[in-house]
C-alpha atoms as a PDB file:
ATOM      1  CA  MET A   1      -7.686 -14.236  -0.130  1.00  0.00           C
ATOM      2  CA  ASP A   2      -4.423 -12.859  -0.815  1.00  0.00           C
ATOM      3  CA  LYS A   3      -4.745  -9.222  -2.171  1.00  0.00           C
ATOM      4  CA  ILE A   4      -2.462  -6.608  -4.130  1.00  0.00           C
ATOM      5  CA  TYR A   5      -3.337  -2.884  -3.312  1.00  0.00           C
ATOM      6  CA  TYR A   6      -2.179  -0.976  -6.437  1.00  0.00           C
ATOM      7  CA  LEU A   7      -2.368   2.007  -8.560  1.00  0.00           C
ATOM      8  CA  ALA A   8      -3.154   1.300 -12.180  1.00  0.00           C
ATOM      9  CA  SER A   9      -1.597   4.352 -13.550  1.00  0.00           C
ATOM     10  CA  CYS A  10       1.644   3.967 -11.586  1.00  0.00           C
ATOM     11  CA  ASP A  11       4.572   2.546 -13.690  1.00  0.00           C
ATOM     12  CA  THR A  12       6.004   0.859 -10.375  1.00  0.00           C
ATOM     13  CA  CYS A  13       2.964  -1.041  -9.943  1.00  0.00           C
ATOM     14  CA  ARG A  14       2.603  -1.909 -13.363  1.00  0.00           C
ATOM     15  CA  LYS A  15       6.132  -3.154 -13.780  1.00  0.00           C
ATOM     16  CA  ILE A  16       5.757  -5.126 -10.349  1.00  0.00           C
ATOM     17  CA  ILE A  17       2.445  -6.844 -11.271  1.00  0.00           C
ATOM     18  CA  LYS A  18       4.242  -8.162 -14.518  1.00  0.00           C
ATOM     19  CA  SER A  19       6.789  -9.823 -12.649  1.00  0.00           C
ATOM     20  CA  LEU A  20       4.438 -11.638 -10.592  1.00  0.00           C
ATOM     21  CA  PRO A  21       4.266 -15.208 -10.725  1.00  0.00           C
ATOM     22  CA  LYS A  22       1.812 -16.404 -13.518  1.00  0.00           C
ATOM     23  CA  ASP A  23       0.091 -18.822 -11.237  1.00  0.00           C
ATOM     24  CA  HIS A  24      -0.189 -16.470  -8.109  1.00  0.00           C
ATOM     25  CA  ASP A  25      -3.832 -16.076  -6.783  1.00  0.00           C
ATOM     26  CA  LEU A  26      -4.101 -12.227  -5.978  1.00  0.00           C
ATOM     27  CA  ALA A  27      -7.408 -10.285  -5.559  1.00  0.00           C
ATOM     28  CA  PHE A  28      -6.515  -6.974  -7.483  1.00  0.00           C
ATOM     29  CA  HIS A  29      -7.330  -3.644  -5.814  1.00  0.00           C
ATOM     30  CA  ASP A  30      -6.928  -0.290  -7.762  1.00  0.00           C
ATOM     31  CA  ILE A  31      -7.213   2.262  -5.182  1.00  0.00           C
ATOM     32  CA  LYS A  32      -7.804   5.128  -7.439  1.00  0.00           C
ATOM     33  CA  GLN A  33     -10.748   3.380  -9.014  1.00  0.00           C
ATOM     34  CA  ASP A  34     -12.117   1.583  -5.932  1.00  0.00           C
ATOM     35  CA  PRO A  35     -10.813   3.722  -2.788  1.00  0.00           C
ATOM     36  CA  ILE A  36      -9.811   1.506   0.149  1.00  0.00           C
ATOM     37  CA  THR A  37     -12.217   1.273   2.890  1.00  0.00           C
ATOM     38  CA  ILE A  38     -11.956   1.776   6.866  1.00  0.00           C
ATOM     39  CA  GLU A  39     -12.151  -1.859   6.764  1.00  0.00           C
ATOM     40  CA  ASP A  40      -9.442  -2.263   4.415  1.00  0.00           C
ATOM     41  CA  LEU A  41      -7.219  -0.283   6.158  1.00  0.00           C
ATOM     42  CA  GLU A  42      -7.980  -1.554   9.578  1.00  0.00           C
ATOM     43  CA  GLU A  43      -6.955  -4.927   8.320  1.00  0.00           C
ATOM     44  CA  MET A  44      -3.357  -3.445   6.906  1.00  0.00           C
ATOM     45  CA  TYR A  45      -3.351  -1.680  10.268  1.00  0.00           C
ATOM     46  CA  ARG A  46      -3.955  -4.955  12.091  1.00  0.00           C
ATOM     47  CA  LEU A  47      -1.126  -6.584   9.977  1.00  0.00           C
ATOM     48  CA  SER A  48       1.372  -3.717  10.355  1.00  0.00           C
ATOM     49  CA  GLY A  49       0.514  -2.226  13.621  1.00  0.00           C
ATOM     50  CA  SER A  50       1.042   1.304  12.441  1.00  0.00           C
ATOM     51  CA  TYR A  51      -0.970   3.764  10.324  1.00  0.00           C
ATOM     52  CA  GLU A  52       2.605   5.443   9.601  1.00  0.00           C
ATOM     53  CA  ALA A  53       4.309   2.239   8.007  1.00  0.00           C
ATOM     54  CA  LEU A  54       1.196   2.382   5.256  1.00  0.00           C
ATOM     55  CA  PHE A  55       1.808   6.097   4.533  1.00  0.00           C
ATOM     56  CA  SER A  56       3.702   7.555   1.631  1.00  0.00           C
ATOM     57  CA  LYS A  57       5.915  10.341   2.575  1.00  0.00           C
ATOM     58  CA  LYS A  58       6.818  10.349  -1.046  1.00  0.00           C
ATOM     59  CA  ALA A  59       3.438  11.559  -2.110  1.00  0.00           C
ATOM     60  CA  GLN A  60       3.666  15.048  -3.752  1.00  0.00           C
ATOM     61  CA  LEU A  61       0.755  15.734  -1.614  1.00  0.00           C
ATOM     62  CA  TYR A  62       2.543  15.496   1.624  1.00  0.00           C
ATOM     63  CA  LYS A  63       4.936  18.056  -0.025  1.00  0.00           C
ATOM     64  CA  SER A  64       2.221  20.406  -1.257  1.00  0.00           C
ATOM     65  CA  MET A  65       0.217  20.159   1.656  1.00  0.00           C
ATOM     66  CA  ASP A  66       3.489  20.648   3.948  1.00  0.00           C
ATOM     67  CA  LEU A  67       2.648  17.781   6.164  1.00  0.00           C
ATOM     68  CA  LYS A  68       6.483  17.274   6.489  1.00  0.00           C
ATOM     69  CA  ASN A  69       6.618  19.934   8.665  1.00  0.00           C
ATOM     70  CA  LYS A  70       3.814  19.023  10.931  1.00  0.00           C
ATOM     71  CA  SER A  71       3.692  16.624  13.853  1.00  0.00           C
ATOM     72  CA  LEU A  72       1.480  13.650  12.593  1.00  0.00           C
ATOM     73  CA  THR A  73      -0.127  11.196  14.684  1.00  0.00           C
ATOM     74  CA  GLU A  74      -1.498   7.696  13.642  1.00  0.00           C
ATOM     75  CA  ASP A  75      -4.610   9.422  13.661  1.00  0.00           C
ATOM     76  CA  ASP A  76      -3.618  11.954  11.291  1.00  0.00           C
ATOM     77  CA  TYR A  77      -2.192   9.264   8.962  1.00  0.00           C
ATOM     78  CA  LYS A  78      -5.042   7.253   9.194  1.00  0.00           C
ATOM     79  CA  LYS A  79      -7.190  10.132   8.085  1.00  0.00           C
ATOM     80  CA  TYR A  80      -4.907  11.215   5.042  1.00  0.00           C
ATOM     81  CA  ILE A  81      -4.936   7.634   3.671  1.00  0.00           C
ATOM     82  CA  LEU A  82      -8.515   7.541   3.633  1.00  0.00           C
ATOM     83  CA  GLU A  83      -9.050  10.908   2.101  1.00  0.00           C
ATOM     84  CA  HIS A  84      -6.685  10.586  -0.710  1.00  0.00           C
ATOM     85  CA  TYR A  85      -5.320   7.330  -2.537  1.00  0.00           C
ATOM     86  CA  THR A  86      -1.904   8.641  -2.775  1.00  0.00           C
ATOM     87  CA  PHE A  87      -1.302   8.615   0.779  1.00  0.00           C
ATOM     88  CA  LEU A  88      -0.959   5.014   0.762  1.00  0.00           C
ATOM     89  CA  SER A  89       2.411   3.541   0.294  1.00  0.00           C
ATOM     90  CA  ARG A  90       2.219   1.151  -2.926  1.00  0.00           C
ATOM     91  CA  PRO A  91       1.769  -1.622  -3.609  1.00  0.00           C
ATOM     92  CA  VAL A  92       0.479  -3.172  -0.473  1.00  0.00           C
ATOM     93  CA  PHE A  93       0.231  -6.938  -0.677  1.00  0.00           C
ATOM     94  CA  ILE A  94      -1.773  -9.342   1.780  1.00  0.00           C
ATOM     95  CA  ILE A  95      -0.591 -12.508   1.462  1.00  0.00           C
ATOM     96  CA  ASN A  96      -1.321 -15.634   3.799  1.00  0.00           C
ATOM     97  CA  ASP A  97      -2.437 -12.911   6.473  1.00  0.00           C
ATOM     98  CA  LYS A  98       1.415 -11.194   6.224  1.00  0.00           C
ATOM     99  CA  ILE A  99       1.437  -8.004   4.750  1.00  0.00           C
ATOM    100  CA  TYR A 100       4.006  -6.264   2.691  1.00  0.00           C
ATOM    101  CA  ILE A 101       4.152  -2.387   1.903  1.00  0.00           C
ATOM    102  CA  GLY A 102       5.916  -0.611  -0.898  1.00  0.00           C
ATOM    103  CA  ASN A 103       8.271  -1.237  -3.563  1.00  0.00           C
ATOM    104  CA  THR A 104      11.524  -1.910  -2.181  1.00  0.00           C
ATOM    105  CA  GLN A 105      13.806  -4.493  -3.709  1.00  0.00           C
ATOM    106  CA  GLN A 106      13.934  -6.432  -0.116  1.00  0.00           C
ATOM    107  CA  ASN A 107      10.340  -6.167  -0.005  1.00  0.00           C
ATOM    108  CA  MET A 108       9.546  -7.584  -3.539  1.00  0.00           C
ATOM    109  CA  LEU A 109      11.943 -10.254  -2.680  1.00  0.00           C
ATOM    110  CA  GLN A 110       9.740 -11.491   0.340  1.00  0.00           C
ATOM    111  CA  VAL A 111       6.203 -11.087  -1.859  1.00  0.00           C
ATOM    112  CA  MET A 112       7.983 -12.989  -4.680  1.00  0.00           C
ATOM    113  CA  LYS A 113       9.235 -15.956  -2.129  1.00  0.00           C
ATOM    114  CA  ALA A 114       5.524 -15.612  -0.165  1.00  0.00           C
ATOM    115  CA  LEU A 115       3.806 -16.315  -3.812  1.00  0.00           C
ATOM    116  CA  GLY A 116       6.489 -19.133  -4.300  1.00  0.00           C
END
């Protein structure tokens, strides 16, 4: 089943969800209300090939924990994403066994095309 991992309190995520084609068949997963599981994250990793690609360096906790001045490993990225939802780059779409991470314009064009 195709999925979107998002944050309901995020204005950008809400705007993106409103713009989705009306006939899409996505399972919605609010990562604050229902934290991602190790299985969810490992599926994302399998599709993306990297925990760093899934990690949000825009998160306020990233700055407040001074992580930008630390040398993080893939295991560190995985640990932080599982510890706190804010570290997952959002939204994450899984459509037809392909992953789309983040809200760049280019990424969202690919998502819309995949949802066709």
